[in-house]
Amino acid sequence: MADNSKMDARGNGEAQERGHLFELDEWTEELAIAMARQDGLELGDDHLAIIRYLRDCYADHGGTITAHMLRHTLEEQYAGLGGNKHLSNLFPLGLIAQATRYAGLPMPPGTRDPSFGITH
């Protein structure tokens, strides 16, 4: 199993340049809220639920779940609220890219476009 206490750059430092953390233990919800505020985004309950979900997936599976799988699962979970449109409104800079950043996680494997977060 992957060492979940450390994160890799997934692209020779690109993750660090995008503001992704490299130590999972450094993350707190307060840090996520502060990061989002710097971006002009106020995190609400739906934001935090998605962030917690991503952290739980990473804790359970390491970096093995792709952005496509994460996005598909979240779209199904939020279908009653508008699915992809609702998720895009929550994270306008890219659901996976922005939410994983606030979650203190590396970008999922296979991610090539950090703004969109699911292009393979």
PDB file of N, CA and C in Angstrom:
ATOM      1  N   MET A   1       0.851  -1.186   0.000  1.00  0.00           N
ATOM      2  CA  MET A   1       0.000   0.000   0.000  1.00  0.00           C
ATOM      3  C   MET A   1       0.884   1.233   0.000  1.00  0.00           C
ATOM      4  N   ALA A   2       0.392   2.284  -0.601  1.00  0.00           N
ATOM      5  CA  ALA A   2       1.139   3.537  -0.686  1.00  0.00           C
ATOM      6  C   ALA A   2       1.298   4.162   0.691  1.00  0.00           C
ATOM      7  N   ASP A   3       2.406   4.864   0.868  1.00  0.00           N
ATOM      8  CA  ASP A   3       2.633   5.606   2.106  1.00  0.00           C
ATOM      9  C   ASP A   3       1.782   6.865   2.046  1.00  0.00           C
ATOM     10  N   ASN A   4       0.663   6.861   2.771  1.00  0.00           N
ATOM     11  CA  ASN A   4      -0.288   7.969   2.706  1.00  0.00           C
ATOM     12  C   ASN A   4       0.152   9.176   3.508  1.00  0.00           C
ATOM     13  N   SER A   5       1.270   9.090   4.235  1.00  0.00           N
ATOM     14  CA  SER A   5       1.713  10.238   5.010  1.00  0.00           C
ATOM     15  C   SER A   5       2.499  11.227   4.158  1.00  0.00           C
ATOM     16  N   LYS A   6       2.930  10.810   2.998  1.00  0.00           N
ATOM     17  CA  LYS A   6       3.674  11.680   2.076  1.00  0.00           C
ATOM     18  C   LYS A   6       2.953  11.695   0.739  1.00  0.00           C
ATOM     19  N   MET A   7       3.044  12.793   0.058  1.00  0.00           N
ATOM     20  CA  MET A   7       2.460  12.890  -1.273  1.00  0.00           C
ATOM     21  C   MET A   7       3.574  13.196  -2.261  1.00  0.00           C
ATOM     22  N   ASP A   8       3.409  12.717  -3.469  1.00  0.00           N
ATOM     23  CA  ASP A   8       4.408  13.038  -4.477  1.00  0.00           C
ATOM     24  C   ASP A   8       3.924  14.172  -5.355  1.00  0.00           C
ATOM     25  N   ALA A   9       4.811  14.713  -6.111  1.00  0.00           N
ATOM     26  CA  ALA A   9       4.494  15.883  -6.926  1.00  0.00           C
ATOM     27  C   ALA A   9       3.693  15.536  -8.166  1.00  0.00           C
ATOM     28  N   ARG A  10       3.698  14.278  -8.596  1.00  0.00           N
ATOM     29  CA  ARG A  10       2.979  13.875  -9.804  1.00  0.00           C
ATOM     30  C   ARG A  10       3.266  14.831 -10.953  1.00  0.00           C
ATOM     31  N   GLY A  11       4.504  14.942 -11.277  1.00  0.00           N
ATOM     32  CA  GLY A  11       4.848  15.790 -12.413  1.00  0.00           C
ATOM     33  C   GLY A  11       5.976  16.741 -12.091  1.00  0.00           C
ATOM     34  N   ASN A  12       6.963  16.286 -11.332  1.00  0.00           N
ATOM     35  CA  ASN A  12       8.169  17.065 -11.073  1.00  0.00           C
ATOM     36  C   ASN A  12       7.890  18.444 -10.494  1.00  0.00           C
ATOM     37  N   GLY A  13       7.149  18.495  -9.423  1.00  0.00           N
ATOM     38  CA  GLY A  13       6.923  19.745  -8.727  1.00  0.00           C
ATOM     39  C   GLY A  13       5.677  20.497  -9.124  1.00  0.00           C
ATOM     40  N   GLU A  14       4.947  20.019 -10.135  1.00  0.00           N
ATOM     41  CA  GLU A  14       3.763  20.736 -10.585  1.00  0.00           C
ATOM     42  C   GLU A  14       2.718  20.837  -9.492  1.00  0.00           C
ATOM     43  N   ALA A  15       2.536  19.780  -8.712  1.00  0.00           N
ATOM     44  CA  ALA A  15       1.514  19.809  -7.661  1.00  0.00           C
ATOM     45  C   ALA A  15       1.838  20.883  -6.634  1.00  0.00           C
ATOM     46  N   GLN A  16       3.085  21.011  -6.269  1.00  0.00           N
ATOM     47  CA  GLN A  16       3.458  22.025  -5.295  1.00  0.00           C
ATOM     48  C   GLN A  16       3.197  23.419  -5.853  1.00  0.00           C
ATOM     49  N   GLU A  17       3.466  23.612  -7.123  1.00  0.00           N
ATOM     50  CA  GLU A  17       3.220  24.909  -7.747  1.00  0.00           C
ATOM     51  C   GLU A  17       1.738  25.249  -7.749  1.00  0.00           C
ATOM     52  N   ARG A  18       0.863  24.236  -7.809  1.00  0.00           N
ATOM     53  CA  ARG A  18      -0.575  24.474  -7.792  1.00  0.00           C
ATOM     54  C   ARG A  18      -1.088  24.598  -6.363  1.00  0.00           C
ATOM     55  N   GLY A  19      -0.212  24.481  -5.373  1.00  0.00           N
ATOM     56  CA  GLY A  19      -0.619  24.662  -3.991  1.00  0.00           C
ATOM     57  C   GLY A  19      -1.027  23.398  -3.277  1.00  0.00           C
ATOM     58  N   HIS A  20      -0.762  22.236  -3.863  1.00  0.00           N
ATOM     59  CA  HIS A  20      -1.085  20.983  -3.197  1.00  0.00           C
ATOM     60  C   HIS A  20      -0.072  20.736  -2.086  1.00  0.00           C
ATOM     61  N   LEU A  21      -0.556  20.232  -0.956  1.00  0.00           N
ATOM     62  CA  LEU A  21       0.317  19.936   0.179  1.00  0.00           C
ATOM     63  C   LEU A  21       1.111  18.665  -0.081  1.00  0.00           C
ATOM     64  N   PHE A  22       2.172  18.487   0.672  1.00  0.00           N
ATOM     65  CA  PHE A  22       2.970  17.280   0.546  1.00  0.00           C
ATOM     66  C   PHE A  22       2.945  16.433   1.808  1.00  0.00           C
ATOM     67  N   GLU A  23       2.286  16.876   2.841  1.00  0.00           N
ATOM     68  CA  GLU A  23       2.153  16.113   4.077  1.00  0.00           C
ATOM     69  C   GLU A  23       0.675  16.033   4.423  1.00  0.00           C
ATOM     70  N   LEU A  24       0.100  14.840   4.393  1.00  0.00           N
ATOM     71  CA  LEU A  24      -1.311  14.690   4.708  1.00  0.00           C
ATOM     72  C   LEU A  24      -1.624  15.136   6.124  1.00  0.00           C
ATOM     73  N   ASP A  25      -0.700  14.937   7.042  1.00  0.00           N
ATOM     74  CA  ASP A  25      -0.943  15.283   8.435  1.00  0.00           C
ATOM     75  C   ASP A  25      -1.007  16.789   8.671  1.00  0.00           C
ATOM     76  N   GLU A  26      -0.543  17.594   7.732  1.00  0.00           N
ATOM     77  CA  GLU A  26      -0.585  19.052   7.880  1.00  0.00           C
ATOM     78  C   GLU A  26      -1.985  19.602   7.634  1.00  0.00           C
ATOM     79  N   TRP A  27      -2.876  18.830   7.030  1.00  0.00           N
ATOM     80  CA  TRP A  27      -4.183  19.304   6.597  1.00  0.00           C
ATOM     81  C   TRP A  27      -5.159  19.414   7.762  1.00  0.00           C
ATOM     82  N   THR A  28      -5.963  20.473   7.740  1.00  0.00           N
ATOM     83  CA  THR A  28      -7.101  20.623   8.634  1.00  0.00           C
ATOM     84  C   THR A  28      -8.223  21.275   7.826  1.00  0.00           C
ATOM     85  N   GLU A  29      -9.443  21.147   8.313  1.00  0.00           N
ATOM     86  CA  GLU A  29     -10.549  21.825   7.637  1.00  0.00           C
ATOM     87  C   GLU A  29     -10.355  23.335   7.670  1.00  0.00           C
ATOM     88  N   GLU A  30      -9.777  23.830   8.750  1.00  0.00           N
ATOM     89  CA  GLU A  30      -9.522  25.267   8.847  1.00  0.00           C
ATOM     90  C   GLU A  30      -8.558  25.724   7.755  1.00  0.00           C
ATOM     91  N   LEU A  31      -7.553  24.890   7.462  1.00  0.00           N
ATOM     92  CA  LEU A  31      -6.607  25.206   6.387  1.00  0.00           C
ATOM     93  C   LEU A  31      -7.335  25.225   5.040  1.00  0.00           C
ATOM     94  N   ALA A  32      -8.205  24.245   4.814  1.00  0.00           N
ATOM     95  CA  ALA A  32      -8.970  24.205   3.568  1.00  0.00           C
ATOM     96  C   ALA A  32      -9.831  25.456   3.424  1.00  0.00           C
ATOM     97  N   ILE A  33     -10.476  25.855   4.508  1.00  0.00           N
ATOM     98  CA  ILE A  33     -11.330  27.043   4.480  1.00  0.00           C
ATOM     99  C   ILE A  33     -10.495  28.284   4.182  1.00  0.00           C
ATOM    100  N   ALA A  34      -9.327  28.374   4.791  1.00  0.00           N
ATOM    101  CA  ALA A  34      -8.444  29.525   4.555  1.00  0.00           C
ATOM    102  C   ALA A  34      -7.937  29.548   3.118  1.00  0.00           C
ATOM    103  N   MET A  35      -7.558  28.392   2.579  1.00  0.00           N
ATOM    104  CA  MET A  35      -7.101  28.322   1.192  1.00  0.00           C
ATOM    105  C   MET A  35      -8.209  28.777   0.240  1.00  0.00           C
ATOM    106  N   ALA A  36      -9.418  28.306   0.494  1.00  0.00           N
ATOM    107  CA  ALA A  36     -10.544  28.668  -0.368  1.00  0.00           C
ATOM    108  C   ALA A  36     -10.828  30.164  -0.284  1.00  0.00           C
ATOM    109  N   ARG A  37     -10.763  30.707   0.916  1.00  0.00           N
ATOM    110  CA  ARG A  37     -11.003  32.153   1.067  1.00  0.00           C
ATOM    111  C   ARG A  37      -9.998  32.967   0.271  1.00  0.00           C
ATOM    112  N   GLN A  38      -8.744  32.494   0.241  1.00  0.00           N
ATOM    113  CA  GLN A  38      -7.729  33.188  -0.559  1.00  0.00           C
ATOM    114  C   GLN A  38      -8.095  33.166  -2.033  1.00  0.00           C
ATOM    115  N   ASP A  39      -8.820  32.134  -2.437  1.00  0.00           N
ATOM    116  CA  ASP A  39      -9.268  32.015  -3.828  1.00  0.00           C
ATOM    117  C   ASP A  39     -10.608  32.709  -4.055  1.00  0.00           C
ATOM    118  N   GLY A  40     -11.170  33.313  -3.004  1.00  0.00           N
ATOM    119  CA  GLY A  40     -12.451  33.992  -3.127  1.00  0.00           C
ATOM    120  C   GLY A  40     -13.645  33.061  -3.045  1.00  0.00           C
ATOM    121  N   LEU A  41     -13.474  31.898  -2.423  1.00  0.00           N
ATOM    122  CA  LEU A  41     -14.536  30.898  -2.323  1.00  0.00           C
ATOM    123  C   LEU A  41     -14.821  30.597  -0.857  1.00  0.00           C
ATOM    124  N   GLU A  42     -16.087  30.687  -0.470  1.00  0.00           N
ATOM    125  CA  GLU A  42     -16.497  30.314   0.889  1.00  0.00           C
ATOM    126  C   GLU A  42     -16.974  28.871   0.860  1.00  0.00           C
ATOM    127  N   LEU A  43     -16.332  28.016   1.637  1.00  0.00           N
ATOM    128  CA  LEU A  43     -16.717  26.610   1.672  1.00  0.00           C
ATOM    129  C   LEU A  43     -17.929  26.408   2.566  1.00  0.00           C
ATOM    130  N   GLY A  44     -18.927  25.732   2.013  1.00  0.00           N
ATOM    131  CA  GLY A  44     -20.127  25.370   2.762  1.00  0.00           C
ATOM    132  C   GLY A  44     -20.140  23.880   3.049  1.00  0.00           C
ATOM    133  N   ASP A  45     -21.280  23.399   3.516  1.00  0.00           N
ATOM    134  CA  ASP A  45     -21.404  21.987   3.879  1.00  0.00           C
ATOM    135  C   ASP A  45     -21.153  21.051   2.702  1.00  0.00           C
ATOM    136  N   ASP A  46     -21.683  21.382   1.508  1.00  0.00           N
ATOM    137  CA  ASP A  46     -21.467  20.523   0.333  1.00  0.00           C
ATOM    138  C   ASP A  46     -19.990  20.479  -0.046  1.00  0.00           C
ATOM    139  N   HIS A  47     -19.318  21.631  -0.015  1.00  0.00           N
ATOM    140  CA  HIS A  47     -17.877  21.663  -0.310  1.00  0.00           C
ATOM    141  C   HIS A  47     -17.128  20.730   0.642  1.00  0.00           C
ATOM    142  N   LEU A  48     -17.395  20.912   1.930  1.00  0.00           N
ATOM    143  CA  LEU A  48     -16.665  20.138   2.934  1.00  0.00           C
ATOM    144  C   LEU A  48     -16.994  18.652   2.851  1.00  0.00           C
ATOM    145  N   ALA A  49     -18.233  18.309   2.500  1.00  0.00           N
ATOM    146  CA  ALA A  49     -18.593  16.894   2.335  1.00  0.00           C
ATOM    147  C   ALA A  49     -17.785  16.267   1.198  1.00  0.00           C
ATOM    148  N   ILE A  50     -17.630  16.998   0.108  1.00  0.00           N
ATOM    149  CA  ILE A  50     -16.850  16.492  -1.028  1.00  0.00           C
ATOM    150  C   ILE A  50     -15.380  16.363  -0.641  1.00  0.00           C
ATOM    151  N   ILE A  51     -14.861  17.350   0.043  1.00  0.00           N
ATOM    152  CA  ILE A  51     -13.464  17.320   0.479  1.00  0.00           C
ATOM    153  C   ILE A  51     -13.224  16.139   1.415  1.00  0.00           C
ATOM    154  N   ARG A  52     -14.140  15.917   2.360  1.00  0.00           N
ATOM    155  CA  ARG A  52     -14.011  14.767   3.274  1.00  0.00           C
ATOM    156  C   ARG A  52     -14.089  13.455   2.503  1.00  0.00           C
ATOM    157  N   TYR A  53     -14.993  13.387   1.524  1.00  0.00           N
ATOM    158  CA  TYR A  53     -15.117  12.190   0.701  1.00  0.00           C
ATOM    159  C   TYR A  53     -13.804  11.887  -0.021  1.00  0.00           C
ATOM    160  N   LEU A  54     -13.196  12.912  -0.611  1.00  0.00           N
ATOM    161  CA  LEU A  54     -11.930  12.716  -1.317  1.00  0.00           C
ATOM    162  C   LEU A  54     -10.836  12.246  -0.367  1.00  0.00           C
ATOM    163  N   ARG A  55     -10.790  12.812   0.820  1.00  0.00           N
ATOM    164  CA  ARG A  55      -9.778  12.397   1.806  1.00  0.00           C
ATOM    165  C   ARG A  55     -10.017  10.961   2.258  1.00  0.00           C
ATOM    166  N   ASP A  56     -11.290  10.586   2.446  1.00  0.00           N
ATOM    167  CA  ASP A  56     -11.606   9.208   2.834  1.00  0.00           C
ATOM    168  C   ASP A  56     -11.196   8.227   1.733  1.00  0.00           C
ATOM    169  N   CYS A  57     -11.495   8.589   0.476  1.00  0.00           N
ATOM    170  CA  CYS A  57     -11.091   7.726  -0.646  1.00  0.00           C
ATOM    171  C   CYS A  57      -9.586   7.558  -0.688  1.00  0.00           C
ATOM    172  N   TYR A  58      -8.866   8.657  -0.482  1.00  0.00           N
ATOM    173  CA  TYR A  58      -7.410   8.588  -0.514  1.00  0.00           C
ATOM    174  C   TYR A  58      -6.889   7.744   0.647  1.00  0.00           C
ATOM    175  N   ALA A  59      -7.482   7.890   1.819  1.00  0.00           N
ATOM    176  CA  ALA A  59      -7.056   7.104   2.983  1.00  0.00           C
ATOM    177  C   ALA A  59      -7.310   5.617   2.748  1.00  0.00           C
ATOM    178  N   ASP A  60      -8.432   5.302   2.096  1.00  0.00           N
ATOM    179  CA  ASP A  60      -8.797   3.905   1.859  1.00  0.00           C
ATOM    180  C   ASP A  60      -8.043   3.272   0.694  1.00  0.00           C
ATOM    181  N   HIS A  61      -7.758   4.058  -0.336  1.00  0.00           N
ATOM    182  CA  HIS A  61      -7.226   3.493  -1.582  1.00  0.00           C
ATOM    183  C   HIS A  61      -5.907   4.093  -2.039  1.00  0.00           C
ATOM    184  N   GLY A  62      -5.359   5.019  -1.286  1.00  0.00           N
ATOM    185  CA  GLY A  62      -4.134   5.683  -1.726  1.00  0.00           C
ATOM    186  C   GLY A  62      -4.405   6.446  -3.001  1.00  0.00           C
ATOM    187  N   GLY A  63      -3.445   6.514  -3.852  1.00  0.00           N
ATOM    188  CA  GLY A  63      -3.585   7.258  -5.102  1.00  0.00           C
ATOM    189  C   GLY A  63      -4.017   6.399  -6.263  1.00  0.00           C
ATOM    190  N   THR A  64      -4.860   5.389  -6.016  1.00  0.00           N
ATOM    191  CA  THR A  64      -5.219   4.455  -7.087  1.00  0.00           C
ATOM    192  C   THR A  64      -6.526   4.795  -7.792  1.00  0.00           C
ATOM    193  N   ILE A  65      -7.343   5.667  -7.219  1.00  0.00           N
ATOM    194  CA  ILE A  65      -8.621   6.007  -7.837  1.00  0.00           C
ATOM    195  C   ILE A  65      -8.408   7.187  -8.782  1.00  0.00           C
ATOM    196  N   THR A  66      -8.864   7.017 -10.012  1.00  0.00           N
ATOM    197  CA  THR A  66      -8.656   8.054 -11.022  1.00  0.00           C
ATOM    198  C   THR A  66      -9.627   9.216 -10.836  1.00  0.00           C
ATOM    199  N   ALA A  67      -9.292  10.335 -11.422  1.00  0.00           N
ATOM    200  CA  ALA A  67     -10.156  11.514 -11.383  1.00  0.00           C
ATOM    201  C   ALA A  67     -11.505  11.207 -12.027  1.00  0.00           C
ATOM    202  N   HIS A  68     -11.487  10.435 -13.104  1.00  0.00           N
ATOM    203  CA  HIS A  68     -12.730  10.086 -13.790  1.00  0.00           C
ATOM    204  C   HIS A  68     -13.657   9.310 -12.859  1.00  0.00           C
ATOM    205  N   MET A  69     -13.117   8.345 -12.131  1.00  0.00           N
ATOM    206  CA  MET A  69     -13.930   7.558 -11.203  1.00  0.00           C
ATOM    207  C   MET A  69     -14.476   8.435 -10.077  1.00  0.00           C
ATOM    208  N   LEU A  70     -13.639   9.314  -9.542  1.00  0.00           N
ATOM    209  CA  LEU A  70     -14.090  10.209  -8.478  1.00  0.00           C
ATOM    210  C   LEU A  70     -15.201  11.120  -8.963  1.00  0.00           C
ATOM    211  N   ARG A  71     -14.995  11.715 -10.118  1.00  0.00           N
ATOM    212  CA  ARG A  71     -15.993  12.648 -10.657  1.00  0.00           C
ATOM    213  C   ARG A  71     -17.309  11.927 -10.929  1.00  0.00           C
ATOM    214  N   HIS A  72     -17.243  10.748 -11.513  1.00  0.00           N
ATOM    215  CA  HIS A  72     -18.456   9.985 -11.825  1.00  0.00           C
ATOM    216  C   HIS A  72     -19.234   9.669 -10.545  1.00  0.00           C
ATOM    217  N   THR A  73     -18.544   9.239  -9.520  1.00  0.00           N
ATOM    218  CA  THR A  73     -19.192   8.924  -8.245  1.00  0.00           C
ATOM    219  C   THR A  73     -19.846  10.163  -7.646  1.00  0.00           C
ATOM    220  N   LEU A  74     -19.149  11.286  -7.671  1.00  0.00           N
ATOM    221  CA  LEU A  74     -19.696  12.522  -7.123  1.00  0.00           C
ATOM    222  C   LEU A  74     -20.882  13.030  -7.949  1.00  0.00           C
ATOM    223  N   GLU A  75     -20.821  12.874  -9.261  1.00  0.00           N
ATOM    224  CA  GLU A  75     -21.948  13.283 -10.108  1.00  0.00           C
ATOM    225  C   GLU A  75     -23.191  12.483  -9.761  1.00  0.00           C
ATOM    226  N   GLU A  76     -23.037  11.178  -9.526  1.00  0.00           N
ATOM    227  CA  GLU A  76     -24.171  10.346  -9.132  1.00  0.00           C
ATOM    228  C   GLU A  76     -24.696  10.753  -7.762  1.00  0.00           C
ATOM    229  N   GLN A  77     -23.790  10.999  -6.838  1.00  0.00           N
ATOM    230  CA  GLN A  77     -24.171  11.356  -5.475  1.00  0.00           C
ATOM    231  C   GLN A  77     -24.944  12.680  -5.438  1.00  0.00           C
ATOM    232  N   TYR A  78     -24.594  13.619  -6.305  1.00  0.00           N
ATOM    233  CA  TYR A  78     -25.209  14.943  -6.320  1.00  0.00           C
ATOM    234  C   TYR A  78     -26.187  15.117  -7.485  1.00  0.00           C
ATOM    235  N   ALA A  79     -26.634  14.024  -8.079  1.00  0.00           N
ATOM    236  CA  ALA A  79     -27.555  14.088  -9.217  1.00  0.00           C
ATOM    237  C   ALA A  79     -28.844  14.826  -8.863  1.00  0.00           C
ATOM    238  N   GLY A  80     -29.353  14.623  -7.690  1.00  0.00           N
ATOM    239  CA  GLY A  80     -30.593  15.263  -7.275  1.00  0.00           C
ATOM    240  C   GLY A  80     -30.476  16.771  -7.121  1.00  0.00           C
ATOM    241  N   LEU A  81     -29.263  17.268  -7.002  1.00  0.00           N
ATOM    242  CA  LEU A  81     -29.029  18.709  -6.868  1.00  0.00           C
ATOM    243  C   LEU A  81     -28.552  19.343  -8.169  1.00  0.00           C
ATOM    244  N   GLY A  82     -28.482  18.536  -9.219  1.00  0.00           N
ATOM    245  CA  GLY A  82     -28.041  19.066 -10.508  1.00  0.00           C
ATOM    246  C   GLY A  82     -26.782  18.422 -11.036  1.00  0.00           C
ATOM    247  N   GLY A  83     -26.230  17.455 -10.311  1.00  0.00           N
ATOM    248  CA  GLY A  83     -25.074  16.700 -10.791  1.00  0.00           C
ATOM    249  C   GLY A  83     -23.880  17.566 -11.139  1.00  0.00           C
ATOM    250  N   ASN A  84     -23.408  17.420 -12.368  1.00  0.00           N
ATOM    251  CA  ASN A  84     -22.201  18.108 -12.816  1.00  0.00           C
ATOM    252  C   ASN A  84     -22.319  19.628 -12.700  1.00  0.00           C
ATOM    253  N   LYS A  85     -23.492  20.167 -13.019  1.00  0.00           N
ATOM    254  CA  LYS A  85     -23.677  21.617 -12.947  1.00  0.00           C
ATOM    255  C   LYS A  85     -23.514  22.104 -11.506  1.00  0.00           C
ATOM    256  N   HIS A  86     -24.115  21.392 -10.576  1.00  0.00           N
ATOM    257  CA  HIS A  86     -23.997  21.752  -9.161  1.00  0.00           C
ATOM    258  C   HIS A  86     -22.545  21.667  -8.705  1.00  0.00           C
ATOM    259  N   LEU A  87     -21.862  20.593  -9.090  1.00  0.00           N
ATOM    260  CA  LEU A  87     -20.462  20.400  -8.698  1.00  0.00           C
ATOM    261  C   LEU A  87     -19.570  21.482  -9.303  1.00  0.00           C
ATOM    262  N   SER A  88     -19.851  21.859 -10.541  1.00  0.00           N
ATOM    263  CA  SER A  88     -19.069  22.917 -11.190  1.00  0.00           C
ATOM    264  C   SER A  88     -19.295  24.267 -10.525  1.00  0.00           C
ATOM    265  N   ASN A  89     -20.506  24.489 -10.021  1.00  0.00           N
ATOM    266  CA  ASN A  89     -20.771  25.723  -9.285  1.00  0.00           C
ATOM    267  C   ASN A  89     -20.030  25.731  -7.947  1.00  0.00           C
ATOM    268  N   LEU A  90     -19.927  24.568  -7.320  1.00  0.00           N
ATOM    269  CA  LEU A  90     -19.212  24.484  -6.043  1.00  0.00           C
ATOM    270  C   LEU A  90     -17.722  24.728  -6.224  1.00  0.00           C
ATOM    271  N   PHE A  91     -17.142  24.111  -7.249  1.00  0.00           N
ATOM    272  CA  PHE A  91     -15.701  24.195  -7.501  1.00  0.00           C
ATOM    273  C   PHE A  91     -15.476  24.695  -8.929  1.00  0.00           C
ATOM    274  N   PRO A  92     -15.592  26.004  -9.134  1.00  0.00           N
ATOM    275  CA  PRO A  92     -15.542  26.564 -10.491  1.00  0.00           C
ATOM    276  C   PRO A  92     -14.194  26.427 -11.194  1.00  0.00           C
ATOM    277  N   LEU A  93     -13.134  26.145 -10.455  1.00  0.00           N
ATOM    278  CA  LEU A  93     -11.819  25.982 -11.093  1.00  0.00           C
ATOM    279  C   LEU A  93     -11.517  24.526 -11.418  1.00  0.00           C
ATOM    280  N   GLY A  94     -12.533  23.675 -11.374  1.00  0.00           N
ATOM    281  CA  GLY A  94     -12.370  22.261 -11.671  1.00  0.00           C
ATOM    282  C   GLY A  94     -12.613  21.436 -10.430  1.00  0.00           C
ATOM    283  N   LEU A  95     -13.642  20.606 -10.475  1.00  0.00           N
ATOM    284  CA  LEU A  95     -14.038  19.817  -9.306  1.00  0.00           C
ATOM    285  C   LEU A  95     -12.870  19.070  -8.690  1.00  0.00           C
ATOM    286  N   ILE A  96     -12.222  18.231  -9.446  1.00  0.00           N
ATOM    287  CA  ILE A  96     -11.167  17.392  -8.888  1.00  0.00           C
ATOM    288  C   ILE A  96      -9.937  18.223  -8.562  1.00  0.00           C
ATOM    289  N   ALA A  97      -9.531  19.082  -9.470  1.00  0.00           N
ATOM    290  CA  ALA A  97      -8.327  19.883  -9.241  1.00  0.00           C
ATOM    291  C   ALA A  97      -8.475  20.772  -8.015  1.00  0.00           C
ATOM    292  N   GLN A  98      -9.561  21.502  -7.934  1.00  0.00           N
ATOM    293  CA  GLN A  98      -9.737  22.445  -6.833  1.00  0.00           C
ATOM    294  C   GLN A  98     -10.045  21.723  -5.524  1.00  0.00           C
ATOM    295  N   ALA A  99     -10.906  20.717  -5.563  1.00  0.00           N
ATOM    296  CA  ALA A  99     -11.273  20.005  -4.336  1.00  0.00           C
ATOM    297  C   ALA A  99     -10.096  19.215  -3.762  1.00  0.00           C
ATOM    298  N   THR A 100      -9.283  18.581  -4.614  1.00  0.00           N
ATOM    299  CA  THR A 100      -8.127  17.854  -4.077  1.00  0.00           C
ATOM    300  C   THR A 100      -7.109  18.813  -3.480  1.00  0.00           C
ATOM    301  N   ARG A 101      -6.995  19.992  -4.066  1.00  0.00           N
ATOM    302  CA  ARG A 101      -6.080  20.995  -3.502  1.00  0.00           C
ATOM    303  C   ARG A 101      -6.528  21.378  -2.100  1.00  0.00           C
ATOM    304  N   TYR A 102      -7.815  21.691  -1.939  1.00  0.00           N
ATOM    305  CA  TYR A 102      -8.318  22.057  -0.622  1.00  0.00           C
ATOM    306  C   TYR A 102      -8.286  20.867   0.343  1.00  0.00           C
ATOM    307  N   ALA A 103      -8.360  19.664  -0.182  1.00  0.00           N
ATOM    308  CA  ALA A 103      -8.310  18.460   0.646  1.00  0.00           C
ATOM    309  C   ALA A 103      -6.878  18.094   1.043  1.00  0.00           C
ATOM    310  N   GLY A 104      -5.904  18.792   0.491  1.00  0.00           N
ATOM    311  CA  GLY A 104      -4.508  18.493   0.803  1.00  0.00           C
ATOM    312  C   GLY A 104      -4.032  17.201   0.183  1.00  0.00           C
ATOM    313  N   LEU A 105      -4.557  16.885  -0.990  1.00  0.00           N
ATOM    314  CA  LEU A 105      -4.237  15.630  -1.666  1.00  0.00           C
ATOM    315  C   LEU A 105      -3.543  15.895  -2.998  1.00  0.00           C
ATOM    316  N   PRO A 106      -2.787  14.906  -3.477  1.00  0.00           N
ATOM    317  CA  PRO A 106      -2.218  15.039  -4.824  1.00  0.00           C
ATOM    318  C   PRO A 106      -3.309  14.839  -5.865  1.00  0.00           C
ATOM    319  N   MET A 107      -3.048  15.298  -7.061  1.00  0.00           N
ATOM    320  CA  MET A 107      -3.979  15.051  -8.157  1.00  0.00           C
ATOM    321  C   MET A 107      -4.041  13.546  -8.389  1.00  0.00           C
ATOM    322  N   PRO A 108      -5.220  13.014  -8.719  1.00  0.00           N
ATOM    323  CA  PRO A 108      -5.348  11.579  -8.969  1.00  0.00           C
ATOM    324  C   PRO A 108      -4.530  11.146 -10.179  1.00  0.00           C
ATOM    325  N   PRO A 109      -4.195   9.854 -10.233  1.00  0.00           N
ATOM    326  CA  PRO A 109      -3.413   9.358 -11.369  1.00  0.00           C
ATOM    327  C   PRO A 109      -4.166   9.535 -12.687  1.00  0.00           C
ATOM    328  N   GLY A 110      -3.403   9.797 -13.723  1.00  0.00           N
ATOM    329  CA  GLY A 110      -3.970   9.950 -15.049  1.00  0.00           C
ATOM    330  C   GLY A 110      -4.459  11.349 -15.342  1.00  0.00           C
ATOM    331  N   THR A 111      -4.381  12.251 -14.379  1.00  0.00           N
ATOM    332  CA  THR A 111      -4.851  13.610 -14.582  1.00  0.00           C
ATOM    333  C   THR A 111      -3.809  14.373 -15.375  1.00  0.00           C
ATOM    334  N   ARG A 112      -4.245  14.957 -16.477  1.00  0.00           N
ATOM    335  CA  ARG A 112      -3.300  15.708 -17.305  1.00  0.00           C
ATOM    336  C   ARG A 112      -3.622  17.180 -17.344  1.00  0.00           C
ATOM    337  N   ASP A 113      -4.878  17.542 -17.170  1.00  0.00           N
ATOM    338  CA  ASP A 113      -5.285  18.941 -17.230  1.00  0.00           C
ATOM    339  C   ASP A 113      -5.699  19.370 -15.843  1.00  0.00           C
ATOM    340  N   PRO A 114      -4.819  20.064 -15.103  1.00  0.00           N
ATOM    341  CA  PRO A 114      -5.117  20.392 -13.722  1.00  0.00           C
ATOM    342  C   PRO A 114      -6.317  21.322 -13.535  1.00  0.00           C
ATOM    343  N   SER A 115      -6.682  22.088 -14.551  1.00  0.00           N
ATOM    344  CA  SER A 115      -7.832  22.975 -14.362  1.00  0.00           C
ATOM    345  C   SER A 115      -9.149  22.198 -14.474  1.00  0.00           C
ATOM    346  N   PHE A 116      -9.195  21.214 -15.326  1.00  0.00           N
ATOM    347  CA  PHE A 116     -10.407  20.439 -15.498  1.00  0.00           C
ATOM    348  C   PHE A 116     -10.431  19.285 -14.517  1.00  0.00           C
ATOM    349  N   GLY A 117      -9.295  18.596 -14.392  1.00  0.00           N
ATOM    350  CA  GLY A 117      -9.161  17.569 -13.384  1.00  0.00           C
ATOM    351  C   GLY A 117      -9.564  16.175 -13.781  1.00  0.00           C
ATOM    352  N   ILE A 118     -10.038  15.945 -15.008  1.00  0.00           N
ATOM    353  CA  ILE A 118     -10.380  14.574 -15.345  1.00  0.00           C
ATOM    354  C   ILE A 118      -9.952  14.151 -16.745  1.00  0.00           C
ATOM    355  N   THR A 119      -9.218  14.956 -17.457  1.00  0.00           N
ATOM    356  CA  THR A 119      -8.803  14.594 -18.809  1.00  0.00           C
ATOM    357  C   THR A 119      -7.702  13.546 -18.737  1.00  0.00           C
ATOM    358  N   HIS A 120      -7.890  12.460 -19.476  1.00  0.00           N
ATOM    359  CA  HIS A 120      -6.913  11.360 -19.488  1.00  0.00           C
ATOM    360  C   HIS A 120      -6.275  11.261 -20.845  1.00  0.00           C
TER     361      HIS A 120
END
